[in-house]
Amino acid sequence: MCFDYDEQYDVYNEKICKARKDYKCRCCGGEIKQNEFYRSEFGVVSRDVFKAKTCRRCLFDISRIVAHELDS
């Protein structure tokens, strides 16, 4: 699982997209199939540019874990 919700970004943008083709999830490595929804991210941290796609299953798991950590 990948956690970066506490990262300090110089630039950050995320949006929910519908896949036009098959992609690979950055967290689980699973397939994001055509017509499935996923989170697309773009960011810059200390001049390092990244792009990432995260499947809905991982987004759900991450949100539950983050909520649990913030409650602790």
Protein backbone atom coordinates (compact mmCIF):
# COMPACT_ATOMS: atom_id res chain seq x y z
CA MET A 1 0.00 0.00 0.00
CA CYS A 2 1.23 3.50 -0.69
CA PHE A 3 0.80 6.39 1.71
CA ASP A 4 1.63 9.95 0.83
CA TYR A 5 -1.18 11.94 2.40
CA ASP A 6 1.28 13.87 4.55
CA GLU A 7 3.66 14.86 1.70
CA GLN A 8 4.42 18.54 1.09
CA TYR A 9 3.87 19.25 -2.61
CA ASP A 10 5.06 22.22 -4.65
CA VAL A 11 2.30 21.45 -7.18
CA TYR A 12 -0.47 18.87 -6.81
CA ASN A 13 -3.60 18.02 -8.77
CA GLU A 14 -5.90 15.02 -8.59
CA LYS A 15 -9.11 14.12 -10.35
CA ILE A 16 -11.38 11.15 -10.84
CA CYS A 17 -11.29 9.86 -14.41
CA LYS A 18 -12.90 7.14 -16.46
CA ALA A 19 -10.30 4.92 -18.15
CA ARG A 20 -10.19 5.11 -21.93
CA LYS A 21 -7.83 2.13 -22.01
CA ASP A 22 -6.35 -0.33 -19.50
CA TYR A 23 -3.90 1.07 -16.93
CA LYS A 24 -1.88 -0.26 -14.00
CA CYS A 25 -2.60 0.85 -10.42
CA ARG A 26 0.43 2.36 -8.70
CA CYS A 27 -0.50 0.88 -5.31
CA CYS A 28 -1.52 -2.73 -5.89
CA GLY A 29 -0.16 -3.20 -9.41
CA GLY A 30 -3.56 -4.47 -10.48
CA GLU A 31 -5.25 -3.60 -13.71
CA ILE A 32 -7.56 -0.62 -14.11
CA LYS A 33 -9.77 -1.76 -16.95
CA GLN A 34 -11.27 0.37 -19.67
CA ASN A 35 -14.39 2.28 -18.49
CA GLU A 36 -13.52 1.86 -14.78
CA PHE A 37 -13.09 4.96 -12.62
CA TYR A 38 -9.71 5.75 -11.04
CA ARG A 39 -7.85 8.65 -9.40
CA SER A 40 -5.33 10.42 -11.61
CA GLU A 41 -2.62 12.41 -9.81
CA PHE A 42 0.02 14.86 -10.95
CA GLY A 43 2.51 16.49 -8.63
CA VAL A 44 5.87 18.13 -8.15
CA VAL A 45 7.97 17.60 -5.01
CA SER A 46 11.38 19.27 -4.88
CA ARG A 47 11.50 19.45 -8.69
CA ASP A 48 10.61 15.74 -9.02
CA VAL A 49 7.54 15.32 -11.23
CA PHE A 50 5.25 12.34 -10.80
CA LYS A 51 2.06 11.02 -12.38
CA ALA A 52 0.05 8.19 -10.88
CA LYS A 53 -3.18 6.27 -11.34
CA THR A 54 -4.89 4.56 -8.40
CA CYS A 55 -7.75 2.07 -8.69
CA ARG A 56 -11.01 2.42 -6.75
CA ARG A 57 -10.28 -0.62 -4.58
CA CYS A 58 -7.02 0.92 -3.33
CA LEU A 59 -8.65 4.34 -2.83
CA PHE A 60 -11.26 2.71 -0.61
CA ASP A 61 -8.62 0.83 1.41
CA ILE A 62 -6.42 3.91 1.76
CA SER A 63 -9.33 6.07 2.95
CA ARG A 64 -10.24 3.52 5.64
CA ILE A 65 -6.64 3.24 6.87
CA VAL A 66 -6.14 7.02 6.92
CA ALA A 67 -9.38 7.49 8.86
CA HIS A 68 -8.25 4.86 11.39
CA GLU A 69 -4.80 6.48 11.76
CA LEU A 70 -6.32 9.95 12.26
CA ASP A 71 -8.68 8.58 14.93
CA SER A 72 -5.76 7.11 16.89
